[in-house]
Amino acid sequence: MDLIWKIDNMTTEGEHKYVRIIHYTVSGTDENNKTASIKGAVGFKFRDGTEDDYIDFNSINKETTISWIKQALTPVVLDDNGNKTDINPWSEIETSIKMDIKQKIKEKQTNLPSAITTP
């Protein structure tokens, strides 16, 4: 299942329009061409625009925004000593999103009005 990301809204703050909250929708289509989506939001701590990696609001594109969402959704993996590792668990997060979408597709199919269901 391919995931389709849509940015629904971005809440900004401060004179530099720092992105504080991104609202998004992720959609997917199963092998039977049934579609469902999930919505979410991620928040970011305030930055004043002087940081080295700061991106001006007018320069933010969809790819950058999606990368920020994925980074926010992906936990940091620590080793036994509490140090950050190079392990990136994004594939597990992506699988979880796909499972959530498949469950929503299944729910949509089983919640049909009885007048249009077949025995």
PDB file of N, CA and C in Angstrom:
ATOM      1  N   MET A   1       0.844  -1.170   0.000  1.00  0.00           N
ATOM      2  CA  MET A   1       0.000   0.000   0.000  1.00  0.00           C
ATOM      3  C   MET A   1       0.894   1.239   0.000  1.00  0.00           C
ATOM      4  N   ASP A   2       0.658   2.113  -0.945  1.00  0.00           N
ATOM      5  CA  ASP A   2       1.358   3.388  -0.969  1.00  0.00           C
ATOM      6  C   ASP A   2       0.596   4.379  -0.101  1.00  0.00           C
ATOM      7  N   LEU A   3       1.325   5.193   0.640  1.00  0.00           N
ATOM      8  CA  LEU A   3       0.707   6.211   1.466  1.00  0.00           C
ATOM      9  C   LEU A   3       0.737   7.551   0.750  1.00  0.00           C
ATOM     10  N   ILE A   4      -0.377   8.252   0.802  1.00  0.00           N
ATOM     11  CA  ILE A   4      -0.477   9.584   0.216  1.00  0.00           C
ATOM     12  C   ILE A   4      -0.589  10.580   1.369  1.00  0.00           C
ATOM     13  N   TRP A   5       0.346  11.495   1.447  1.00  0.00           N
ATOM     14  CA  TRP A   5       0.376  12.488   2.519  1.00  0.00           C
ATOM     15  C   TRP A   5      -0.214  13.793   2.022  1.00  0.00           C
ATOM     16  N   LYS A   6      -1.049  14.412   2.859  1.00  0.00           N
ATOM     17  CA  LYS A   6      -1.635  15.714   2.538  1.00  0.00           C
ATOM     18  C   LYS A   6      -1.458  16.619   3.753  1.00  0.00           C
ATOM     19  N   ILE A   7      -0.993  17.824   3.528  1.00  0.00           N
ATOM     20  CA  ILE A   7      -0.868  18.802   4.598  1.00  0.00           C
ATOM     21  C   ILE A   7      -2.178  19.572   4.648  1.00  0.00           C
ATOM     22  N   ASP A   8      -2.902  19.446   5.771  1.00  0.00           N
ATOM     23  CA  ASP A   8      -4.195  20.096   5.904  1.00  0.00           C
ATOM     24  C   ASP A   8      -4.067  21.538   6.368  1.00  0.00           C
ATOM     25  N   ASN A   9      -3.132  21.775   7.285  1.00  0.00           N
ATOM     26  CA  ASN A   9      -3.004  23.108   7.852  1.00  0.00           C
ATOM     27  C   ASN A   9      -1.688  23.198   8.612  1.00  0.00           C
ATOM     28  N   MET A  10      -1.120  24.398   8.634  1.00  0.00           N
ATOM     29  CA  MET A  10       0.059  24.646   9.451  1.00  0.00           C
ATOM     30  C   MET A  10      -0.227  25.875  10.300  1.00  0.00           C
ATOM     31  N   THR A  11      -0.017  25.735  11.601  1.00  0.00           N
ATOM     32  CA  THR A  11      -0.152  26.861  12.512  1.00  0.00           C
ATOM     33  C   THR A  11       1.234  27.447  12.720  1.00  0.00           C
ATOM     34  N   THR A  12       1.342  28.755  12.533  1.00  0.00           N
ATOM     35  CA  THR A  12       2.639  29.413  12.683  1.00  0.00           C
ATOM     36  C   THR A  12       2.604  30.365  13.869  1.00  0.00           C
ATOM     37  N   GLU A  13       3.799  30.787  14.274  1.00  0.00           N
ATOM     38  CA  GLU A  13       3.922  31.669  15.419  1.00  0.00           C
ATOM     39  C   GLU A  13       5.134  32.566  15.238  1.00  0.00           C
ATOM     40  N   GLY A  14       5.054  33.773  15.765  1.00  0.00           N
ATOM     41  CA  GLY A  14       6.191  34.686  15.760  1.00  0.00           C
ATOM     42  C   GLY A  14       6.360  35.431  14.454  1.00  0.00           C
ATOM     43  N   GLU A  15       7.246  36.407  14.498  1.00  0.00           N
ATOM     44  CA  GLU A  15       7.452  37.254  13.316  1.00  0.00           C
ATOM     45  C   GLU A  15       8.048  36.504  12.134  1.00  0.00           C
ATOM     46  N   HIS A  16       8.754  35.407  12.412  1.00  0.00           N
ATOM     47  CA  HIS A  16       9.353  34.601  11.343  1.00  0.00           C
ATOM     48  C   HIS A  16       8.433  33.492  10.862  1.00  0.00           C
ATOM     49  N   LYS A  17       7.200  33.455  11.389  1.00  0.00           N
ATOM     50  CA  LYS A  17       6.212  32.445  11.024  1.00  0.00           C
ATOM     51  C   LYS A  17       6.759  31.030  11.220  1.00  0.00           C
ATOM     52  N   TYR A  18       7.309  30.793  12.404  1.00  0.00           N
ATOM     53  CA  TYR A  18       7.803  29.466  12.718  1.00  0.00           C
ATOM     54  C   TYR A  18       6.634  28.482  12.789  1.00  0.00           C
ATOM     55  N   VAL A  19       6.779  27.320  12.172  1.00  0.00           N
ATOM     56  CA  VAL A  19       5.719  26.307  12.162  1.00  0.00           C
ATOM     57  C   VAL A  19       5.649  25.651  13.536  1.00  0.00           C
ATOM     58  N   ARG A  20       4.499  25.807  14.222  1.00  0.00           N
ATOM     59  CA  ARG A  20       4.292  25.228  15.547  1.00  0.00           C
ATOM     60  C   ARG A  20       3.529  23.910  15.481  1.00  0.00           C
ATOM     61  N   ILE A  21       2.505  23.831  14.593  1.00  0.00           N
ATOM     62  CA  ILE A  21       1.689  22.622  14.480  1.00  0.00           C
ATOM     63  C   ILE A  21       1.417  22.335  13.011  1.00  0.00           C
ATOM     64  N   ILE A  22       1.553  21.080  12.624  1.00  0.00           N
ATOM     65  CA  ILE A  22       1.198  20.641  11.275  1.00  0.00           C
ATOM     66  C   ILE A  22       0.071  19.621  11.410  1.00  0.00           C
ATOM     67  N   HIS A  23      -1.054  19.909  10.764  1.00  0.00           N
ATOM     68  CA  HIS A  23      -2.176  18.970  10.697  1.00  0.00           C
ATOM     69  C   HIS A  23      -2.069  18.265   9.352  1.00  0.00           C
ATOM     70  N   TYR A  24      -2.213  16.946   9.360  1.00  0.00           N
ATOM     71  CA  TYR A  24      -2.021  16.180   8.136  1.00  0.00           C
ATOM     72  C   TYR A  24      -3.045  15.063   8.014  1.00  0.00           C
ATOM     73  N   THR A  25      -3.161  14.550   6.793  1.00  0.00           N
ATOM     74  CA  THR A  25      -3.974  13.376   6.504  1.00  0.00           C
ATOM     75  C   THR A  25      -3.104  12.403   5.722  1.00  0.00           C
ATOM     76  N   VAL A  26      -3.152  11.128   6.108  1.00  0.00           N
ATOM     77  CA  VAL A  26      -2.462  10.077   5.357  1.00  0.00           C
ATOM     78  C   VAL A  26      -3.532   9.133   4.828  1.00  0.00           C
ATOM     79  N   SER A  27      -3.515   8.899   3.516  1.00  0.00           N
ATOM     80  CA  SER A  27      -4.490   8.021   2.876  1.00  0.00           C
ATOM     81  C   SER A  27      -3.777   6.835   2.250  1.00  0.00           C
ATOM     82  N   GLY A  28      -4.539   5.757   2.111  1.00  0.00           N
ATOM     83  CA  GLY A  28      -4.015   4.570   1.456  1.00  0.00           C
ATOM     84  C   GLY A  28      -5.133   3.816   0.773  1.00  0.00           C
ATOM     85  N   THR A  29      -4.770   3.063  -0.254  1.00  0.00           N
ATOM     86  CA  THR A  29      -5.727   2.260  -1.015  1.00  0.00           C
ATOM     87  C   THR A  29      -5.271   0.815  -0.963  1.00  0.00           C
ATOM     88  N   ASP A  30      -6.193  -0.090  -0.617  1.00  0.00           N
ATOM     89  CA  ASP A  30      -5.822  -1.501  -0.514  1.00  0.00           C
ATOM     90  C   ASP A  30      -5.881  -2.190  -1.874  1.00  0.00           C
ATOM     91  N   GLU A  31      -5.607  -3.496  -1.862  1.00  0.00           N
ATOM     92  CA  GLU A  31      -5.557  -4.268  -3.109  1.00  0.00           C
ATOM     93  C   GLU A  31      -6.919  -4.374  -3.788  1.00  0.00           C
ATOM     94  N   ASN A  32      -8.006  -4.085  -3.056  1.00  0.00           N
ATOM     95  CA  ASN A  32      -9.351  -4.107  -3.633  1.00  0.00           C
ATOM     96  C   ASN A  32      -9.825  -2.712  -4.036  1.00  0.00           C
ATOM     97  N   ASN A  33      -8.897  -1.772  -4.076  1.00  0.00           N
ATOM     98  CA  ASN A  33      -9.152  -0.392  -4.473  1.00  0.00           C
ATOM     99  C   ASN A  33     -10.052   0.347  -3.473  1.00  0.00           C
ATOM    100  N   LYS A  34     -10.055  -0.100  -2.218  1.00  0.00           N
ATOM    101  CA  LYS A  34     -10.790   0.569  -1.147  1.00  0.00           C
ATOM    102  C   LYS A  34      -9.830   1.536  -0.464  1.00  0.00           C
ATOM    103  N   THR A  35     -10.336   2.726  -0.147  1.00  0.00           N
ATOM    104  CA  THR A  35      -9.492   3.782   0.394  1.00  0.00           C
ATOM    105  C   THR A  35      -9.975   4.219   1.770  1.00  0.00           C
ATOM    106  N   ALA A  36      -9.030   4.585   2.613  1.00  0.00           N
ATOM    107  CA  ALA A  36      -9.334   5.179   3.915  1.00  0.00           C
ATOM    108  C   ALA A  36      -8.185   6.108   4.281  1.00  0.00           C
ATOM    109  N   SER A  37      -8.402   6.918   5.283  1.00  0.00           N
ATOM    110  CA  SER A  37      -7.358   7.840   5.707  1.00  0.00           C
ATOM    111  C   SER A  37      -7.397   8.032   7.211  1.00  0.00           C
ATOM    112  N   ILE A  38      -6.286   8.512   7.728  1.00  0.00           N
ATOM    113  CA  ILE A  38      -6.194   8.882   9.131  1.00  0.00           C
ATOM    114  C   ILE A  38      -5.675  10.312   9.200  1.00  0.00           C
ATOM    115  N   LYS A  39      -6.091  11.020  10.225  1.00  0.00           N
ATOM    116  CA  LYS A  39      -5.659  12.395  10.418  1.00  0.00           C
ATOM    117  C   LYS A  39      -4.799  12.470  11.664  1.00  0.00           C
ATOM    118  N   GLY A  40      -3.908  13.428  11.674  1.00  0.00           N
ATOM    119  CA  GLY A  40      -3.066  13.623  12.843  1.00  0.00           C
ATOM    120  C   GLY A  40      -2.513  15.035  12.874  1.00  0.00           C
ATOM    121  N   ALA A  41      -1.813  15.329  13.935  1.00  0.00           N
ATOM    122  CA  ALA A  41      -1.151  16.619  14.086  1.00  0.00           C
ATOM    123  C   ALA A  41       0.127  16.416  14.887  1.00  0.00           C
ATOM    124  N   VAL A  42       1.138  17.171  14.558  1.00  0.00           N
ATOM    125  CA  VAL A  42       2.390  17.144  15.313  1.00  0.00           C
ATOM    126  C   VAL A  42       2.758  18.579  15.665  1.00  0.00           C
ATOM    127  N   GLY A  43       3.326  18.735  16.849  1.00  0.00           N
ATOM    128  CA  GLY A  43       3.734  20.052  17.307  1.00  0.00           C
ATOM    129  C   GLY A  43       5.240  20.155  17.399  1.00  0.00           C
ATOM    130  N   PHE A  44       5.722  21.381  17.327  1.00  0.00           N
ATOM    131  CA  PHE A  44       7.157  21.642  17.356  1.00  0.00           C
ATOM    132  C   PHE A  44       7.448  22.763  18.347  1.00  0.00           C
ATOM    133  N   LYS A  45       8.597  22.698  18.998  1.00  0.00           N
ATOM    134  CA  LYS A  45       8.938  23.750  19.946  1.00  0.00           C
ATOM    135  C   LYS A  45       9.287  25.031  19.172  1.00  0.00           C
ATOM    136  N   PHE A  46       9.063  26.151  19.837  1.00  0.00           N
ATOM    137  CA  PHE A  46       9.265  27.450  19.187  1.00  0.00           C
ATOM    138  C   PHE A  46      10.742  27.687  18.875  1.00  0.00           C
ATOM    139  N   ARG A  47      10.959  28.255  17.721  1.00  0.00           N
ATOM    140  CA  ARG A  47      12.298  28.683  17.299  1.00  0.00           C
ATOM    141  C   ARG A  47      12.162  30.112  16.818  1.00  0.00           C
ATOM    142  N   ASP A  48      13.209  30.893  16.973  1.00  0.00           N
ATOM    143  CA  ASP A  48      13.085  32.322  16.655  1.00  0.00           C
ATOM    144  C   ASP A  48      13.594  32.723  15.273  1.00  0.00           C
ATOM    145  N   GLY A  49      14.012  31.771  14.478  1.00  0.00           N
ATOM    146  CA  GLY A  49      14.468  32.079  13.122  1.00  0.00           C
ATOM    147  C   GLY A  49      15.959  32.327  13.016  1.00  0.00           C
ATOM    148  N   THR A  50      16.691  32.236  14.115  1.00  0.00           N
ATOM    149  CA  THR A  50      18.138  32.470  14.072  1.00  0.00           C
ATOM    150  C   THR A  50      18.934  31.164  14.019  1.00  0.00           C
ATOM    151  N   GLU A  51      18.255  30.028  14.102  1.00  0.00           N
ATOM    152  CA  GLU A  51      18.940  28.729  14.096  1.00  0.00           C
ATOM    153  C   GLU A  51      19.565  28.464  12.726  1.00  0.00           C
ATOM    154  N   ASP A  52      20.683  27.733  12.725  1.00  0.00           N
ATOM    155  CA  ASP A  52      21.404  27.447  11.477  1.00  0.00           C
ATOM    156  C   ASP A  52      20.551  26.687  10.468  1.00  0.00           C
ATOM    157  N   ASP A  53      19.690  25.787  10.941  1.00  0.00           N
ATOM    158  CA  ASP A  53      18.902  24.965  10.028  1.00  0.00           C
ATOM    159  C   ASP A  53      17.494  25.519   9.795  1.00  0.00           C
ATOM    160  N   TYR A  54      17.269  26.758  10.210  1.00  0.00           N
ATOM    161  CA  TYR A  54      15.951  27.368  10.063  1.00  0.00           C
ATOM    162  C   TYR A  54      15.600  27.525   8.581  1.00  0.00           C
ATOM    163  N   ILE A  55      14.355  27.198   8.225  1.00  0.00           N
ATOM    164  CA  ILE A  55      13.874  27.351   6.843  1.00  0.00           C
ATOM    165  C   ILE A  55      12.775  28.394   6.871  1.00  0.00           C
ATOM    166  N   ASP A  56      12.927  29.426   6.057  1.00  0.00           N
ATOM    167  CA  ASP A  56      11.928  30.486   5.965  1.00  0.00           C
ATOM    168  C   ASP A  56      10.583  29.891   5.558  1.00  0.00           C
ATOM    169  N   PHE A  57       9.499  30.373   6.161  1.00  0.00           N
ATOM    170  CA  PHE A  57       8.167  29.832   5.900  1.00  0.00           C
ATOM    171  C   PHE A  57       7.846  29.778   4.413  1.00  0.00           C
ATOM    172  N   ASN A  58       8.207  30.814   3.672  1.00  0.00           N
ATOM    173  CA  ASN A  58       7.906  30.872   2.237  1.00  0.00           C
ATOM    174  C   ASN A  58       8.723  29.885   1.411  1.00  0.00           C
ATOM    175  N   SER A  59       9.732  29.278   2.028  1.00  0.00           N
ATOM    176  CA  SER A  59      10.575  28.299   1.323  1.00  0.00           C
ATOM    177  C   SER A  59      10.207  26.858   1.673  1.00  0.00           C
ATOM    178  N   ILE A  60       9.251  26.668   2.570  1.00  0.00           N
ATOM    179  CA  ILE A  60       8.865  25.311   2.972  1.00  0.00           C
ATOM    180  C   ILE A  60       8.045  24.664   1.860  1.00  0.00           C
ATOM    181  N   ASN A  61       8.435  23.446   1.471  1.00  0.00           N
ATOM    182  CA  ASN A  61       7.673  22.715   0.464  1.00  0.00           C
ATOM    183  C   ASN A  61       7.056  21.462   1.091  1.00  0.00           C
ATOM    184  N   LYS A  62       6.261  20.763   0.324  1.00  0.00           N
ATOM    185  CA  LYS A  62       5.556  19.589   0.830  1.00  0.00           C
ATOM    186  C   LYS A  62       6.535  18.516   1.313  1.00  0.00           C
ATOM    187  N   GLU A  63       7.604  18.277   0.576  1.00  0.00           N
ATOM    188  CA  GLU A  63       8.561  17.240   0.946  1.00  0.00           C
ATOM    189  C   GLU A  63       9.200  17.542   2.299  1.00  0.00           C
ATOM    190  N   THR A  64       9.556  18.819   2.525  1.00  0.00           N
ATOM    191  CA  THR A  64      10.148  19.210   3.796  1.00  0.00           C
ATOM    192  C   THR A  64       9.151  19.007   4.927  1.00  0.00           C
ATOM    193  N   THR A  65       7.908  19.431   4.705  1.00  0.00           N
ATOM    194  CA  THR A  65       6.875  19.305   5.722  1.00  0.00           C
ATOM    195  C   THR A  65       6.637  17.841   6.074  1.00  0.00           C
ATOM    196  N   ILE A  66       6.554  16.975   5.081  1.00  0.00           N
ATOM    197  CA  ILE A  66       6.346  15.538   5.334  1.00  0.00           C
ATOM    198  C   ILE A  66       7.538  14.954   6.088  1.00  0.00           C
ATOM    199  N   SER A  67       8.746  15.386   5.745  1.00  0.00           N
ATOM    200  CA  SER A  67       9.925  14.882   6.462  1.00  0.00           C
ATOM    201  C   SER A  67       9.877  15.303   7.932  1.00  0.00           C
ATOM    202  N   TRP A  68       9.385  16.513   8.227  1.00  0.00           N
ATOM    203  CA  TRP A  68       9.243  16.957   9.613  1.00  0.00           C
ATOM    204  C   TRP A  68       8.220  16.090  10.347  1.00  0.00           C
ATOM    205  N   ILE A  69       7.099  15.786   9.680  1.00  0.00           N
ATOM    206  CA  ILE A  69       6.068  14.944  10.300  1.00  0.00           C
ATOM    207  C   ILE A  69       6.650  13.571  10.610  1.00  0.00           C
ATOM    208  N   LYS A  70       7.308  12.960   9.629  1.00  0.00           N
ATOM    209  CA  LYS A  70       7.879  11.629   9.833  1.00  0.00           C
ATOM    210  C   LYS A  70       8.904  11.638  10.961  1.00  0.00           C
ATOM    211  N   GLN A  71       9.720  12.676  11.011  1.00  0.00           N
ATOM    212  CA  GLN A  71      10.715  12.779  12.076  1.00  0.00           C
ATOM    213  C   GLN A  71      10.032  12.894  13.434  1.00  0.00           C
ATOM    214  N   ALA A  72       8.957  13.676  13.513  1.00  0.00           N
ATOM    215  CA  ALA A  72       8.233  13.842  14.775  1.00  0.00           C
ATOM    216  C   ALA A  72       7.544  12.550  15.211  1.00  0.00           C
ATOM    217  N   LEU A  73       7.102  11.736  14.251  1.00  0.00           N
ATOM    218  CA  LEU A  73       6.412  10.490  14.564  1.00  0.00           C
ATOM    219  C   LEU A  73       7.364   9.347  14.912  1.00  0.00           C
ATOM    220  N   THR A  74       8.633   9.502  14.578  1.00  0.00           N
ATOM    221  CA  THR A  74       9.615   8.436  14.752  1.00  0.00           C
ATOM    222  C   THR A  74      10.375   8.631  16.060  1.00  0.00           C
ATOM    223  N   PRO A  75      10.256   7.687  16.980  1.00  0.00           N
ATOM    224  CA  PRO A  75      10.975   7.835  18.255  1.00  0.00           C
ATOM    225  C   PRO A  75      12.473   7.645  18.076  1.00  0.00           C
ATOM    226  N   VAL A  76      13.217   8.242  18.984  1.00  0.00           N
ATOM    227  CA  VAL A  76      14.658   8.050  19.031  1.00  0.00           C
ATOM    228  C   VAL A  76      14.909   6.730  19.748  1.00  0.00           C
ATOM    229  N   VAL A  77      15.798   5.912  19.202  1.00  0.00           N
ATOM    230  CA  VAL A  77      16.128   4.620  19.804  1.00  0.00           C
ATOM    231  C   VAL A  77      17.432   4.781  20.578  1.00  0.00           C
ATOM    232  N   LEU A  78      17.383   4.416  21.865  1.00  0.00           N
ATOM    233  CA  LEU A  78      18.555   4.523  22.727  1.00  0.00           C
ATOM    234  C   LEU A  78      19.166   3.161  22.980  1.00  0.00           C
ATOM    235  N   ASP A  79      20.477   3.149  23.193  1.00  0.00           N
ATOM    236  CA  ASP A  79      21.137   1.891  23.544  1.00  0.00           C
ATOM    237  C   ASP A  79      21.006   1.641  25.048  1.00  0.00           C
ATOM    238  N   ASP A  80      21.631   0.596  25.542  1.00  0.00           N
ATOM    239  CA  ASP A  80      21.515   0.230  26.956  1.00  0.00           C
ATOM    240  C   ASP A  80      22.080   1.296  27.896  1.00  0.00           C
ATOM    241  N   ASN A  81      22.952   2.153  27.378  1.00  0.00           N
ATOM    242  CA  ASN A  81      23.545   3.213  28.195  1.00  0.00           C
ATOM    243  C   ASN A  81      22.798   4.540  28.077  1.00  0.00           C
ATOM    244  N   GLY A  82      21.704   4.531  27.326  1.00  0.00           N
ATOM    245  CA  GLY A  82      20.924   5.755  27.166  1.00  0.00           C
ATOM    246  C   GLY A  82      21.422   6.677  26.074  1.00  0.00           C
ATOM    247  N   ASN A  83      22.315   6.180  25.232  1.00  0.00           N
ATOM    248  CA  ASN A  83      22.839   6.982  24.134  1.00  0.00           C
ATOM    249  C   ASN A  83      22.023   6.753  22.871  1.00  0.00           C
ATOM    250  N   LYS A  84      21.860   7.797  22.090  1.00  0.00           N
ATOM    251  CA  LYS A  84      21.115   7.713  20.836  1.00  0.00           C
ATOM    252  C   LYS A  84      21.838   6.777  19.867  1.00  0.00           C
ATOM    253  N   THR A  85      21.073   5.911  19.198  1.00  0.00           N
ATOM    254  CA  THR A  85      21.648   4.993  18.213  1.00  0.00           C
ATOM    255  C   THR A  85      21.330   5.485  16.800  1.00  0.00           C
ATOM    256  N   ASP A  86      21.888   4.816  15.813  1.00  0.00           N
ATOM    257  CA  ASP A  86      21.614   5.128  14.415  1.00  0.00           C
ATOM    258  C   ASP A  86      20.395   4.370  13.897  1.00  0.00           C
ATOM    259  N   ILE A  87      19.737   3.606  14.754  1.00  0.00           N
ATOM    260  CA  ILE A  87      18.579   2.815  14.346  1.00  0.00           C
ATOM    261  C   ILE A  87      17.429   3.750  14.012  1.00  0.00           C
ATOM    262  N   ASN A  88      16.843   3.569  12.835  1.00  0.00           N
ATOM    263  CA  ASN A  88      15.706   4.385  12.412  1.00  0.00           C
ATOM    264  C   ASN A  88      14.488   3.463  12.305  1.00  0.00           C
ATOM    265  N   PRO A  89      13.557   3.584  13.249  1.00  0.00           N
ATOM    266  CA  PRO A  89      12.399   2.685  13.249  1.00  0.00           C
ATOM    267  C   PRO A  89      11.256   3.154  12.345  1.00  0.00           C
ATOM    268  N   TRP A  90      11.538   4.012  11.347  1.00  0.00           N
ATOM    269  CA  TRP A  90      10.451   4.544  10.507  1.00  0.00           C
ATOM    270  C   TRP A  90       9.660   3.438   9.830  1.00  0.00           C
ATOM    271  N   SER A  91      10.307   2.372   9.386  1.00  0.00           N
ATOM    272  CA  SER A  91       9.571   1.313   8.676  1.00  0.00           C
ATOM    273  C   SER A  91       8.498   0.707   9.576  1.00  0.00           C
ATOM    274  N   GLU A  92       8.776   0.574  10.875  1.00  0.00           N
ATOM    275  CA  GLU A  92       7.764   0.054  11.802  1.00  0.00           C
ATOM    276  C   GLU A  92       6.617   1.047  11.972  1.00  0.00           C
ATOM    277  N   ILE A  93       6.929   2.341  12.026  1.00  0.00           N
ATOM    278  CA  ILE A  93       5.904   3.380  12.146  1.00  0.00           C
ATOM    279  C   ILE A  93       5.034   3.378  10.895  1.00  0.00           C
ATOM    280  N   GLU A  94       5.671   3.294   9.734  1.00  0.00           N
ATOM    281  CA  GLU A  94       4.937   3.271   8.461  1.00  0.00           C
ATOM    282  C   GLU A  94       4.022   2.046   8.391  1.00  0.00           C
ATOM    283  N   THR A  95       4.516   0.890   8.835  1.00  0.00           N
ATOM    284  CA  THR A  95       3.699  -0.320   8.857  1.00  0.00           C
ATOM    285  C   THR A  95       2.490  -0.125   9.769  1.00  0.00           C
ATOM    286  N   SER A  96       2.687   0.514  10.896  1.00  0.00           N
ATOM    287  CA  SER A  96       1.588   0.780  11.820  1.00  0.00           C
ATOM    288  C   SER A  96       0.536   1.688  11.188  1.00  0.00           C
ATOM    289  N   ILE A  97       0.982   2.709  10.469  1.00  0.00           N
ATOM    290  CA  ILE A  97       0.049   3.608   9.774  1.00  0.00           C
ATOM    291  C   ILE A  97      -0.754   2.816   8.738  1.00  0.00           C
ATOM    292  N   LYS A  98      -0.081   1.962   7.985  1.00  0.00           N
ATOM    293  CA  LYS A  98      -0.764   1.148   6.984  1.00  0.00           C
ATOM    294  C   LYS A  98      -1.783   0.214   7.635  1.00  0.00           C
ATOM    295  N   MET A  99      -1.438  -0.361   8.766  1.00  0.00           N
ATOM    296  CA  MET A  99      -2.369  -1.243   9.473  1.00  0.00           C
ATOM    297  C   MET A  99      -3.594  -0.457   9.955  1.00  0.00           C
ATOM    298  N   ASP A 100      -3.365   0.767  10.439  1.00  0.00           N
ATOM    299  CA  ASP A 100      -4.485   1.616  10.877  1.00  0.00           C
ATOM    300  C   ASP A 100      -5.419   1.920   9.706  1.00  0.00           C
ATOM    301  N   ILE A 101      -4.852   2.199   8.547  1.00  0.00           N
ATOM    302  CA  ILE A 101      -5.665   2.492   7.364  1.00  0.00           C
ATOM    303  C   ILE A 101      -6.429   1.246   6.933  1.00  0.00           C
ATOM    304  N   LYS A 102      -5.773   0.088   6.940  1.00  0.00           N
ATOM    305  CA  LYS A 102      -6.461  -1.159   6.573  1.00  0.00           C
ATOM    306  C   LYS A 102      -7.617  -1.434   7.531  1.00  0.00           C
ATOM    307  N   GLN A 103      -7.426  -1.146   8.806  1.00  0.00           N
ATOM    308  CA  GLN A 103      -8.491  -1.343   9.790  1.00  0.00           C
ATOM    309  C   GLN A 103      -9.659  -0.406   9.498  1.00  0.00           C
ATOM    310  N   LYS A 104      -9.372   0.838   9.132  1.00  0.00           N
ATOM    311  CA  LYS A 104     -10.441   1.782   8.798  1.00  0.00           C
ATOM    312  C   LYS A 104     -11.204   1.326   7.550  1.00  0.00           C
ATOM    313  N   ILE A 105     -10.484   0.770   6.570  1.00  0.00           N
ATOM    314  CA  ILE A 105     -11.138   0.237   5.371  1.00  0.00           C
ATOM    315  C   ILE A 105     -12.076  -0.899   5.772  1.00  0.00           C
ATOM    316  N   LYS A 106     -11.585  -1.790   6.627  1.00  0.00           N
ATOM    317  CA  LYS A 106     -12.388  -2.925   7.087  1.00  0.00           C
ATOM    318  C   LYS A 106     -13.625  -2.431   7.842  1.00  0.00           C
ATOM    319  N   GLU A 107     -13.465  -1.437   8.697  1.00  0.00           N
ATOM    320  CA  GLU A 107     -14.593  -0.887   9.447  1.00  0.00           C
ATOM    321  C   GLU A 107     -15.632  -0.260   8.524  1.00  0.00           C
ATOM    322  N   LYS A 108     -15.156   0.444   7.491  1.00  0.00           N
ATOM    323  CA  LYS A 108     -16.090   1.049   6.537  1.00  0.00           C
ATOM    324  C   LYS A 108     -16.903  -0.018   5.823  1.00  0.00           C
ATOM    325  N   GLN A 109     -16.295  -1.165   5.538  1.00  0.00           N
ATOM    326  CA  GLN A 109     -16.981  -2.233   4.824  1.00  0.00           C
ATOM    327  C   GLN A 109     -17.964  -2.967   5.724  1.00  0.00           C
ATOM    328  N   THR A 110     -17.694  -3.037   7.032  1.00  0.00           N
ATOM    329  CA  THR A 110     -18.591  -3.775   7.921  1.00  0.00           C
ATOM    330  C   THR A 110     -19.659  -2.881   8.542  1.00  0.00           C
ATOM    331  N   ASN A 111     -19.545  -1.583   8.380  1.00  0.00           N
ATOM    332  CA  ASN A 111     -20.526  -0.655   8.950  1.00  0.00           C
ATOM    333  C   ASN A 111     -21.517  -0.144   7.911  1.00  0.00           C
ATOM    334  N   LEU A 112     -21.732  -0.916   6.869  1.00  0.00           N
ATOM    335  CA  LEU A 112     -22.686  -0.528   5.839  1.00  0.00           C
ATOM    336  C   LEU A 112     -24.114  -0.687   6.356  1.00  0.00           C
ATOM    337  N   PRO A 113     -25.017   0.157   5.929  1.00  0.00           N
ATOM    338  CA  PRO A 113     -26.427  -0.025   6.330  1.00  0.00           C
ATOM    339  C   PRO A 113     -26.919  -1.394   5.886  1.00  0.00           C
ATOM    340  N   SER A 114     -27.755  -2.035   6.702  1.00  0.00           N
ATOM    341  CA  SER A 114     -28.194  -3.401   6.420  1.00  0.00           C
ATOM    342  C   SER A 114     -28.974  -3.506   5.125  1.00  0.00           C
ATOM    343  N   ALA A 115     -29.575  -2.420   4.642  1.00  0.00           N
ATOM    344  CA  ALA A 115     -30.350  -2.459   3.416  1.00  0.00           C
ATOM    345  C   ALA A 115     -29.477  -2.707   2.188  1.00  0.00           C
ATOM    346  N   ILE A 116     -28.182  -2.400   2.284  1.00  0.00           N
ATOM    347  CA  ILE A 116     -27.329  -2.596   1.104  1.00  0.00           C
ATOM    348  C   ILE A 116     -26.287  -3.704   1.300  1.00  0.00           C
ATOM    349  N   THR A 117     -26.317  -4.387   2.414  1.00  0.00           N
ATOM    350  CA  THR A 117     -25.395  -5.500   2.594  1.00  0.00           C
ATOM    351  C   THR A 117     -25.977  -6.758   1.972  1.00  0.00           C
ATOM    352  N   THR A 118     -25.120  -7.654   1.645  1.00  0.00           N
ATOM    353  CA  THR A 118     -25.562  -8.910   1.058  1.00  0.00           C
ATOM    354  C   THR A 118     -25.381 -10.036   2.071  1.00  0.00           C
ATOM    355  N   PRO A 119     -26.249 -11.031   2.021  1.00  0.00           N
ATOM    356  CA  PRO A 119     -26.125 -12.145   2.988  1.00  0.00           C
ATOM    357  C   PRO A 119     -24.918 -12.998   2.699  1.00  0.00           C
TER     358      PRO A 119
END
